[in-house]
Amino acid sequence: MEVNDELIQQLSTLARLEFSADERNGIREDLQRMITFVEKLGELDTKDVTPLLHMTSDVNVLREDVVKPVITREEGLKNAPSANDQYFKVPKVIKK
């Protein structure tokens, strides 16, 4: 596949991007190298290679849902710069 100005224009329109002439030349070269690489991969003989669906042979590796000790509300609030007996106090950021 050859990358030409028409293809770059179509891609830039779809992506809603504008490129200068120098940028178009760089993009053309980069796209051509990528397409050449992908076409080179197509030359490999993969008929005896089983498809890889997962990176490991592990299936549904899940841990047990175990209740662990938690800190109390007081312990959680003790290092807060500003808090009342139940909540962190933070500056108001939304104005009505």
PDB file of N, CA and C in Angstrom:
ATOM      1  N   MET A   1       0.850  -1.178   0.000  1.00  0.00           N
ATOM      2  CA  MET A   1       0.000   0.000   0.000  1.00  0.00           C
ATOM      3  C   MET A   1       0.892   1.236   0.000  1.00  0.00           C
ATOM      4  N   GLU A   2       0.521   2.180  -0.806  1.00  0.00           N
ATOM      5  CA  GLU A   2       1.309   3.404  -0.877  1.00  0.00           C
ATOM      6  C   GLU A   2       0.573   4.538  -0.179  1.00  0.00           C
ATOM      7  N   VAL A   3       1.342   5.285   0.586  1.00  0.00           N
ATOM      8  CA  VAL A   3       0.776   6.436   1.286  1.00  0.00           C
ATOM      9  C   VAL A   3       0.954   7.654   0.381  1.00  0.00           C
ATOM     10  N   ASN A   4      -0.160   8.295   0.029  1.00  0.00           N
ATOM     11  CA  ASN A   4      -0.086   9.471  -0.833  1.00  0.00           C
ATOM     12  C   ASN A   4      -0.772  10.652  -0.144  1.00  0.00           C
ATOM     13  N   ASP A   5      -0.750  11.798  -0.818  1.00  0.00           N
ATOM     14  CA  ASP A   5      -1.336  13.015  -0.236  1.00  0.00           C
ATOM     15  C   ASP A   5      -2.835  12.867   0.012  1.00  0.00           C
ATOM     16  N   GLU A   6      -3.502  12.145  -0.868  1.00  0.00           N
ATOM     17  CA  GLU A   6      -4.950  11.957  -0.714  1.00  0.00           C
ATOM     18  C   GLU A   6      -5.260  11.189   0.579  1.00  0.00           C
ATOM     19  N   LEU A   7      -4.478  10.143   0.861  1.00  0.00           N
ATOM     20  CA  LEU A   7      -4.681   9.360   2.080  1.00  0.00           C
ATOM     21  C   LEU A   7      -4.403  10.200   3.319  1.00  0.00           C
ATOM     22  N   ILE A   8      -3.340  10.969   3.293  1.00  0.00           N
ATOM     23  CA  ILE A   8      -3.012  11.826   4.437  1.00  0.00           C
ATOM     24  C   ILE A   8      -4.100  12.872   4.638  1.00  0.00           C
ATOM     25  N   GLN A   9      -4.613  13.437   3.551  1.00  0.00           N
ATOM     26  CA  GLN A   9      -5.696  14.422   3.657  1.00  0.00           C
ATOM     27  C   GLN A   9      -6.938  13.779   4.250  1.00  0.00           C
ATOM     28  N   GLN A  10      -7.263  12.578   3.818  1.00  0.00           N
ATOM     29  CA  GLN A  10      -8.438  11.880   4.339  1.00  0.00           C
ATOM     30  C   GLN A  10      -8.269  11.590   5.835  1.00  0.00           C
ATOM     31  N   LEU A  11      -7.090  11.123   6.237  1.00  0.00           N
ATOM     32  CA  LEU A  11      -6.843  10.830   7.649  1.00  0.00           C
ATOM     33  C   LEU A  11      -6.875  12.103   8.499  1.00  0.00           C
ATOM     34  N   SER A  12      -6.310  13.179   7.985  1.00  0.00           N
ATOM     35  CA  SER A  12      -6.322  14.427   8.750  1.00  0.00           C
ATOM     36  C   SER A  12      -7.731  14.988   8.868  1.00  0.00           C
ATOM     37  N   THR A  13      -8.556  14.793   7.832  1.00  0.00           N
ATOM     38  CA  THR A  13      -9.950  15.227   7.905  1.00  0.00           C
ATOM     39  C   THR A  13     -10.703  14.418   8.939  1.00  0.00           C
ATOM     40  N   LEU A  14     -10.520  13.095   8.919  1.00  0.00           N
ATOM     41  CA  LEU A  14     -11.195  12.239   9.889  1.00  0.00           C
ATOM     42  C   LEU A  14     -10.764  12.562  11.324  1.00  0.00           C
ATOM     43  N   ALA A  15      -9.476  12.878  11.495  1.00  0.00           N
ATOM     44  CA  ALA A  15      -8.955  13.185  12.823  1.00  0.00           C
ATOM     45  C   ALA A  15      -9.137  14.654  13.193  1.00  0.00           C
ATOM     46  N   ARG A  16      -9.641  15.438  12.243  1.00  0.00           N
ATOM     47  CA  ARG A  16      -9.832  16.884  12.436  1.00  0.00           C
ATOM     48  C   ARG A  16      -8.523  17.571  12.858  1.00  0.00           C
ATOM     49  N   LEU A  17      -7.476  17.253  12.105  1.00  0.00           N
ATOM     50  CA  LEU A  17      -6.159  17.829  12.349  1.00  0.00           C
ATOM     51  C   LEU A  17      -5.690  18.553  11.097  1.00  0.00           C
ATOM     52  N   GLU A  18      -4.860  19.560  11.289  1.00  0.00           N
ATOM     53  CA  GLU A  18      -4.281  20.283  10.166  1.00  0.00           C
ATOM     54  C   GLU A  18      -2.769  20.157  10.253  1.00  0.00           C
ATOM     55  N   PHE A  19      -2.129  19.908   9.100  1.00  0.00           N
ATOM     56  CA  PHE A  19      -0.693  19.727   9.067  1.00  0.00           C
ATOM     57  C   PHE A  19      -0.074  20.650   8.037  1.00  0.00           C
ATOM     58  N   SER A  20       1.139  21.087   8.337  1.00  0.00           N
ATOM     59  CA  SER A  20       1.888  21.868   7.350  1.00  0.00           C
ATOM     60  C   SER A  20       2.482  20.905   6.329  1.00  0.00           C
ATOM     61  N   ALA A  21       3.087  21.454   5.297  1.00  0.00           N
ATOM     62  CA  ALA A  21       3.681  20.616   4.242  1.00  0.00           C
ATOM     63  C   ALA A  21       4.806  19.748   4.807  1.00  0.00           C
ATOM     64  N   ASP A  22       5.621  20.325   5.686  1.00  0.00           N
ATOM     65  CA  ASP A  22       6.711  19.547   6.294  1.00  0.00           C
ATOM     66  C   ASP A  22       6.161  18.422   7.160  1.00  0.00           C
ATOM     67  N   GLU A  23       5.110  18.719   7.917  1.00  0.00           N
ATOM     68  CA  GLU A  23       4.499  17.691   8.764  1.00  0.00           C
ATOM     69  C   GLU A  23       3.896  16.577   7.911  1.00  0.00           C
ATOM     70  N   ARG A  24       3.287  16.952   6.787  1.00  0.00           N
ATOM     71  CA  ARG A  24       2.714  15.936   5.886  1.00  0.00           C
ATOM     72  C   ARG A  24       3.790  15.000   5.354  1.00  0.00           C
ATOM     73  N   ASN A  25       4.951  15.562   5.008  1.00  0.00           N
ATOM     74  CA  ASN A  25       6.049  14.726   4.520  1.00  0.00           C
ATOM     75  C   ASN A  25       6.524  13.759   5.599  1.00  0.00           C
ATOM     76  N   GLY A  26       6.645  14.246   6.816  1.00  0.00           N
ATOM     77  CA  GLY A  26       7.059  13.384   7.927  1.00  0.00           C
ATOM     78  C   GLY A  26       6.031  12.307   8.207  1.00  0.00           C
ATOM     79  N   ILE A  27       4.764  12.676   8.165  1.00  0.00           N
ATOM     80  CA  ILE A  27       3.686  11.714   8.393  1.00  0.00           C
ATOM     81  C   ILE A  27       3.681  10.660   7.294  1.00  0.00           C
ATOM     82  N   ARG A  28       3.884  11.092   6.041  1.00  0.00           N
ATOM     83  CA  ARG A  28       3.904  10.158   4.917  1.00  0.00           C
ATOM     84  C   ARG A  28       5.017   9.122   5.118  1.00  0.00           C
ATOM     85  N   GLU A  29       6.195   9.589   5.499  1.00  0.00           N
ATOM     86  CA  GLU A  29       7.314   8.671   5.709  1.00  0.00           C
ATOM     87  C   GLU A  29       7.031   7.714   6.864  1.00  0.00           C
ATOM     88  N   ASP A  30       6.513   8.231   7.963  1.00  0.00           N
ATOM     89  CA  ASP A  30       6.212   7.385   9.123  1.00  0.00           C
ATOM     90  C   ASP A  30       5.156   6.341   8.795  1.00  0.00           C
ATOM     91  N   LEU A  31       4.081   6.767   8.137  1.00  0.00           N
ATOM     92  CA  LEU A  31       3.022   5.816   7.773  1.00  0.00           C
ATOM     93  C   LEU A  31       3.538   4.756   6.808  1.00  0.00           C
ATOM     94  N   GLN A  32       4.362   5.165   5.861  1.00  0.00           N
ATOM     95  CA  GLN A  32       4.900   4.205   4.899  1.00  0.00           C
ATOM     96  C   GLN A  32       5.772   3.176   5.601  1.00  0.00           C
ATOM     97  N   ARG A  33       6.595   3.608   6.565  1.00  0.00           N
ATOM     98  CA  ARG A  33       7.416   2.656   7.320  1.00  0.00           C
ATOM     99  C   ARG A  33       6.556   1.692   8.125  1.00  0.00           C
ATOM    100  N   MET A  34       5.483   2.197   8.750  1.00  0.00           N
ATOM    101  CA  MET A  34       4.598   1.328   9.533  1.00  0.00           C
ATOM    102  C   MET A  34       3.910   0.302   8.641  1.00  0.00           C
ATOM    103  N   ILE A  35       3.414   0.746   7.516  1.00  0.00           N
ATOM    104  CA  ILE A  35       2.708  -0.161   6.610  1.00  0.00           C
ATOM    105  C   ILE A  35       3.676  -1.201   6.049  1.00  0.00           C
ATOM    106  N   THR A  36       4.881  -0.792   5.725  1.00  0.00           N
ATOM    107  CA  THR A  36       5.888  -1.740   5.231  1.00  0.00           C
ATOM    108  C   THR A  36       6.191  -2.791   6.294  1.00  0.00           C
ATOM    109  N   PHE A  37       6.286  -2.377   7.538  1.00  0.00           N
ATOM    110  CA  PHE A  37       6.542  -3.311   8.630  1.00  0.00           C
ATOM    111  C   PHE A  37       5.408  -4.313   8.772  1.00  0.00           C
ATOM    112  N   VAL A  38       4.176  -3.844   8.735  1.00  0.00           N
ATOM    113  CA  VAL A  38       3.023  -4.734   8.868  1.00  0.00           C
ATOM    114  C   VAL A  38       2.949  -5.689   7.678  1.00  0.00           C
ATOM    115  N   GLU A  39       3.228  -5.196   6.485  1.00  0.00           N
ATOM    116  CA  GLU A  39       3.236  -6.067   5.311  1.00  0.00           C
ATOM    117  C   GLU A  39       4.340  -7.125   5.421  1.00  0.00           C
ATOM    118  N   LYS A  40       5.465  -6.767   6.002  1.00  0.00           N
ATOM    119  CA  LYS A  40       6.563  -7.721   6.209  1.00  0.00           C
ATOM    120  C   LYS A  40       6.120  -8.822   7.167  1.00  0.00           C
ATOM    121  N   LEU A  41       5.359  -8.490   8.197  1.00  0.00           N
ATOM    122  CA  LEU A  41       4.846  -9.502   9.125  1.00  0.00           C
ATOM    123  C   LEU A  41       3.922 -10.480   8.413  1.00  0.00           C
ATOM    124  N   GLY A  42       3.213 -10.008   7.398  1.00  0.00           N
ATOM    125  CA  GLY A  42       2.317 -10.860   6.643  1.00  0.00           C
ATOM    126  C   GLY A  42       3.045 -11.931   5.847  1.00  0.00           C
ATOM    127  N   GLU A  43       4.340 -11.776   5.632  1.00  0.00           N
ATOM    128  CA  GLU A  43       5.121 -12.755   4.888  1.00  0.00           C
ATOM    129  C   GLU A  43       5.496 -13.969   5.732  1.00  0.00           C
ATOM    130  N   LEU A  44       5.338 -13.872   7.059  1.00  0.00           N
ATOM    131  CA  LEU A  44       5.726 -14.976   7.933  1.00  0.00           C
ATOM    132  C   LEU A  44       4.783 -16.158   7.790  1.00  0.00           C
ATOM    133  N   ASP A  45       5.358 -17.367   7.886  1.00  0.00           N
ATOM    134  CA  ASP A  45       4.560 -18.582   7.835  1.00  0.00           C
ATOM    135  C   ASP A  45       4.077 -18.890   9.249  1.00  0.00           C
ATOM    136  N   THR A  46       2.783 -18.745   9.485  1.00  0.00           N
ATOM    137  CA  THR A  46       2.215 -18.957  10.824  1.00  0.00           C
ATOM    138  C   THR A  46       1.207 -20.092  10.852  1.00  0.00           C
ATOM    139  N   LYS A  47       1.246 -20.987   9.850  1.00  0.00           N
ATOM    140  CA  LYS A  47       0.232 -22.036   9.794  1.00  0.00           C
ATOM    141  C   LYS A  47       0.352 -23.042  10.927  1.00  0.00           C
ATOM    142  N   ASP A  48       1.544 -23.259  11.492  1.00  0.00           N
ATOM    143  CA  ASP A  48       1.720 -24.206  12.589  1.00  0.00           C
ATOM    144  C   ASP A  48       1.772 -23.525  13.958  1.00  0.00           C
ATOM    145  N   VAL A  49       1.466 -22.254  14.015  1.00  0.00           N
ATOM    146  CA  VAL A  49       1.492 -21.506  15.271  1.00  0.00           C
ATOM    147  C   VAL A  49       0.074 -21.411  15.807  1.00  0.00           C
ATOM    148  N   THR A  50      -0.103 -21.877  17.043  1.00  0.00           N
ATOM    149  CA  THR A  50      -1.438 -21.780  17.642  1.00  0.00           C
ATOM    150  C   THR A  50      -1.704 -20.348  18.075  1.00  0.00           C
ATOM    151  N   PRO A  51      -2.919 -19.890  17.885  1.00  0.00           N
ATOM    152  CA  PRO A  51      -3.245 -18.519  18.275  1.00  0.00           C
ATOM    153  C   PRO A  51      -3.081 -18.315  19.783  1.00  0.00           C
ATOM    154  N   LEU A  52      -2.577 -17.177  20.161  1.00  0.00           N
ATOM    155  CA  LEU A  52      -2.392 -16.843  21.562  1.00  0.00           C
ATOM    156  C   LEU A  52      -3.589 -16.023  22.016  1.00  0.00           C
ATOM    157  N   LEU A  53      -4.398 -16.625  22.871  1.00  0.00           N
ATOM    158  CA  LEU A  53      -5.574 -15.933  23.374  1.00  0.00           C
ATOM    159  C   LEU A  53      -5.291 -15.249  24.703  1.00  0.00           C
ATOM    160  N   HIS A  54      -4.408 -15.841  25.504  1.00  0.00           N
ATOM    161  CA  HIS A  54      -4.074 -15.288  26.815  1.00  0.00           C
ATOM    162  C   HIS A  54      -2.560 -15.352  26.998  1.00  0.00           C
ATOM    163  N   MET A  55      -2.028 -14.472  27.780  1.00  0.00           N
ATOM    164  CA  MET A  55      -0.588 -14.423  27.982  1.00  0.00           C
ATOM    165  C   MET A  55      -0.092 -15.549  28.876  1.00  0.00           C
ATOM    166  N   THR A  56      -0.951 -16.089  29.743  1.00  0.00           N
ATOM    167  CA  THR A  56      -0.565 -17.193  30.617  1.00  0.00           C
ATOM    168  C   THR A  56      -1.602 -18.298  30.505  1.00  0.00           C
ATOM    169  N   SER A  57      -1.278 -19.428  31.068  1.00  0.00           N
ATOM    170  CA  SER A  57      -2.230 -20.533  31.061  1.00  0.00           C
ATOM    171  C   SER A  57      -3.182 -20.461  32.252  1.00  0.00           C
ATOM    172  N   ASP A  58      -3.012 -19.471  33.119  1.00  0.00           N
ATOM    173  CA  ASP A  58      -3.883 -19.319  34.283  1.00  0.00           C
ATOM    174  C   ASP A  58      -5.285 -18.908  33.839  1.00  0.00           C
ATOM    175  N   VAL A  59      -6.280 -19.463  34.531  1.00  0.00           N
ATOM    176  CA  VAL A  59      -7.663 -19.152  34.221  1.00  0.00           C
ATOM    177  C   VAL A  59      -8.361 -18.714  35.499  1.00  0.00           C
ATOM    178  N   ASN A  60      -9.048 -17.591  35.434  1.00  0.00           N
ATOM    179  CA  ASN A  60      -9.821 -17.072  36.574  1.00  0.00           C
ATOM    180  C   ASN A  60      -9.028 -17.072  37.876  1.00  0.00           C
ATOM    181  N   VAL A  61      -7.898 -16.401  37.855  1.00  0.00           N
ATOM    182  CA  VAL A  61      -7.077 -16.318  39.051  1.00  0.00           C
ATOM    183  C   VAL A  61      -7.634 -15.206  39.925  1.00  0.00           C
ATOM    184  N   LEU A  62      -8.414 -15.600  40.901  1.00  0.00           N
ATOM    185  CA  LEU A  62      -9.044 -14.641  41.801  1.00  0.00           C
ATOM    186  C   LEU A  62      -8.651 -14.977  43.226  1.00  0.00           C
ATOM    187  N   ARG A  63      -8.556 -13.993  44.060  1.00  0.00           N
ATOM    188  CA  ARG A  63      -8.251 -14.243  45.467  1.00  0.00           C
ATOM    189  C   ARG A  63      -9.548 -14.322  46.248  1.00  0.00           C
ATOM    190  N   GLU A  64      -9.469 -14.941  47.378  1.00  0.00           N
ATOM    191  CA  GLU A  64     -10.626 -15.021  48.252  1.00  0.00           C
ATOM    192  C   GLU A  64     -10.939 -13.635  48.804  1.00  0.00           C
ATOM    193  N   ASP A  65     -12.177 -13.356  48.989  1.00  0.00           N
ATOM    194  CA  ASP A  65     -12.607 -12.090  49.565  1.00  0.00           C
ATOM    195  C   ASP A  65     -12.515 -12.221  51.077  1.00  0.00           C
ATOM    196  N   VAL A  66     -11.458 -11.649  51.640  1.00  0.00           N
ATOM    197  CA  VAL A  66     -11.181 -11.801  53.061  1.00  0.00           C
ATOM    198  C   VAL A  66     -11.347 -10.450  53.740  1.00  0.00           C
ATOM    199  N   VAL A  67     -12.035 -10.433  54.846  1.00  0.00           N
ATOM    200  CA  VAL A  67     -12.194  -9.212  55.634  1.00  0.00           C
ATOM    201  C   VAL A  67     -10.888  -8.960  56.360  1.00  0.00           C
ATOM    202  N   LYS A  68     -10.357  -7.765  56.225  1.00  0.00           N
ATOM    203  CA  LYS A  68      -9.100  -7.392  56.878  1.00  0.00           C
ATOM    204  C   LYS A  68      -9.387  -6.295  57.885  1.00  0.00           C
ATOM    205  N   PRO A  69      -8.516  -6.144  58.868  1.00  0.00           N
ATOM    206  CA  PRO A  69      -8.720  -5.076  59.849  1.00  0.00           C
ATOM    207  C   PRO A  69      -8.697  -3.705  59.171  1.00  0.00           C
ATOM    208  N   VAL A  70      -9.539  -2.827  59.643  1.00  0.00           N
ATOM    209  CA  VAL A  70      -9.588  -1.475  59.101  1.00  0.00           C
ATOM    210  C   VAL A  70      -9.263  -0.482  60.206  1.00  0.00           C
ATOM    211  N   ILE A  71      -8.924   0.725  59.808  1.00  0.00           N
ATOM    212  CA  ILE A  71      -8.665   1.749  60.821  1.00  0.00           C
ATOM    213  C   ILE A  71      -9.992   2.383  61.220  1.00  0.00           C
ATOM    214  N   THR A  72     -10.009   2.932  62.376  1.00  0.00           N
ATOM    215  CA  THR A  72     -11.220   3.586  62.849  1.00  0.00           C
ATOM    216  C   THR A  72     -11.336   4.956  62.215  1.00  0.00           C
ATOM    217  N   ARG A  73     -12.495   5.553  62.319  1.00  0.00           N
ATOM    218  CA  ARG A  73     -12.717   6.896  61.780  1.00  0.00           C
ATOM    219  C   ARG A  73     -11.776   7.892  62.451  1.00  0.00           C
ATOM    220  N   GLU A  74     -11.614   7.763  63.744  1.00  0.00           N
ATOM    221  CA  GLU A  74     -10.732   8.688  64.472  1.00  0.00           C
ATOM    222  C   GLU A  74      -9.290   8.572  63.981  1.00  0.00           C
ATOM    223  N   GLU A  75      -8.825   7.343  63.733  1.00  0.00           N
ATOM    224  CA  GLU A  75      -7.462   7.153  63.238  1.00  0.00           C
ATOM    225  C   GLU A  75      -7.312   7.752  61.832  1.00  0.00           C
ATOM    226  N   GLY A  76      -8.330   7.625  61.015  1.00  0.00           N
ATOM    227  CA  GLY A  76      -8.287   8.175  59.671  1.00  0.00           C
ATOM    228  C   GLY A  76      -8.276   9.691  59.653  1.00  0.00           C
ATOM    229  N   LEU A  77      -8.933  10.312  60.605  1.00  0.00           N
ATOM    230  CA  LEU A  77      -9.041  11.773  60.636  1.00  0.00           C
ATOM    231  C   LEU A  77      -7.949  12.454  61.455  1.00  0.00           C
ATOM    232  N   LYS A  78      -7.178  11.693  62.212  1.00  0.00           N
ATOM    233  CA  LYS A  78      -6.244  12.347  63.145  1.00  0.00           C
ATOM    234  C   LYS A  78      -5.143  13.149  62.455  1.00  0.00           C
ATOM    235  N   ASN A  79      -4.733  12.803  61.238  1.00  0.00           N
ATOM    236  CA  ASN A  79      -3.683  13.555  60.539  1.00  0.00           C
ATOM    237  C   ASN A  79      -4.235  14.563  59.534  1.00  0.00           C
ATOM    238  N   ALA A  80      -5.556  14.696  59.482  1.00  0.00           N
ATOM    239  CA  ALA A  80      -6.156  15.634  58.541  1.00  0.00           C
ATOM    240  C   ALA A  80      -5.865  17.059  58.978  1.00  0.00           C
ATOM    241  N   PRO A  81      -5.559  17.945  58.039  1.00  0.00           N
ATOM    242  CA  PRO A  81      -5.300  19.340  58.402  1.00  0.00           C
ATOM    243  C   PRO A  81      -6.528  20.000  59.022  1.00  0.00           C
ATOM    244  N   SER A  82      -7.702  19.588  58.563  1.00  0.00           N
ATOM    245  CA  SER A  82      -8.926  20.156  59.107  1.00  0.00           C
ATOM    246  C   SER A  82     -10.018  19.097  59.030  1.00  0.00           C
ATOM    247  N   ALA A  83     -10.653  18.834  60.176  1.00  0.00           N
ATOM    248  CA  ALA A  83     -11.704  17.825  60.210  1.00  0.00           C
ATOM    249  C   ALA A  83     -12.613  18.096  61.394  1.00  0.00           C
ATOM    250  N   ASN A  84     -13.847  17.595  61.296  1.00  0.00           N
ATOM    251  CA  ASN A  84     -14.705  17.606  62.469  1.00  0.00           C
ATOM    252  C   ASN A  84     -14.738  16.174  62.996  1.00  0.00           C
ATOM    253  N   ASP A  85     -15.692  15.806  63.789  1.00  0.00           N
ATOM    254  CA  ASP A  85     -15.678  14.470  64.378  1.00  0.00           C
ATOM    255  C   ASP A  85     -16.019  13.361  63.376  1.00  0.00           C
ATOM    256  N   GLN A  86     -16.516  13.698  62.173  1.00  0.00           N
ATOM    257  CA  GLN A  86     -16.886  12.664  61.217  1.00  0.00           C
ATOM    258  C   GLN A  86     -16.270  12.815  59.828  1.00  0.00           C
ATOM    259  N   TYR A  87     -15.924  14.035  59.403  1.00  0.00           N
ATOM    260  CA  TYR A  87     -15.540  14.262  58.006  1.00  0.00           C
ATOM    261  C   TYR A  87     -14.282  15.103  57.891  1.00  0.00           C
ATOM    262  N   PHE A  88     -13.622  14.974  56.729  1.00  0.00           N
ATOM    263  CA  PHE A  88     -12.545  15.900  56.368  1.00  0.00           C
ATOM    264  C   PHE A  88     -13.184  17.230  56.000  1.00  0.00           C
ATOM    265  N   LYS A  89     -12.556  18.325  56.381  1.00  0.00           N
ATOM    266  CA  LYS A  89     -13.031  19.633  55.956  1.00  0.00           C
ATOM    267  C   LYS A  89     -12.101  20.111  54.835  1.00  0.00           C
ATOM    268  N   VAL A  90     -12.721  20.513  53.733  1.00  0.00           N
ATOM    269  CA  VAL A  90     -11.959  20.988  52.584  1.00  0.00           C
ATOM    270  C   VAL A  90     -12.533  22.327  52.130  1.00  0.00           C
ATOM    271  N   PRO A  91     -11.715  23.136  51.450  1.00  0.00           N
ATOM    272  CA  PRO A  91     -12.217  24.406  50.946  1.00  0.00           C
ATOM    273  C   PRO A  91     -13.315  24.182  49.899  1.00  0.00           C
ATOM    274  N   LYS A  92     -14.256  25.074  49.855  1.00  0.00           N
ATOM    275  CA  LYS A  92     -15.310  24.989  48.871  1.00  0.00           C
ATOM    276  C   LYS A  92     -14.745  25.302  47.490  1.00  0.00           C
ATOM    277  N   VAL A  93     -15.040  24.434  46.519  1.00  0.00           N
ATOM    278  CA  VAL A  93     -14.512  24.633  45.180  1.00  0.00           C
ATOM    279  C   VAL A  93     -15.596  24.873  44.148  1.00  0.00           C
ATOM    280  N   ILE A  94     -16.835  24.584  44.485  1.00  0.00           N
ATOM    281  CA  ILE A  94     -17.939  24.786  43.552  1.00  0.00           C
ATOM    282  C   ILE A  94     -18.780  25.952  44.061  1.00  0.00           C
ATOM    283  N   LYS A  95     -18.960  26.930  43.196  1.00  0.00           N
ATOM    284  CA  LYS A  95     -19.767  28.091  43.572  1.00  0.00           C
ATOM    285  C   LYS A  95     -21.139  27.975  42.925  1.00  0.00           C
ATOM    286  N   LYS A  96     -22.149  28.377  43.652  1.00  0.00           N
ATOM    287  CA  LYS A  96     -23.503  28.338  43.099  1.00  0.00           C
ATOM    288  C   LYS A  96     -23.848  29.639  42.432  1.00  0.00           C
TER     289      LYS A  96
END
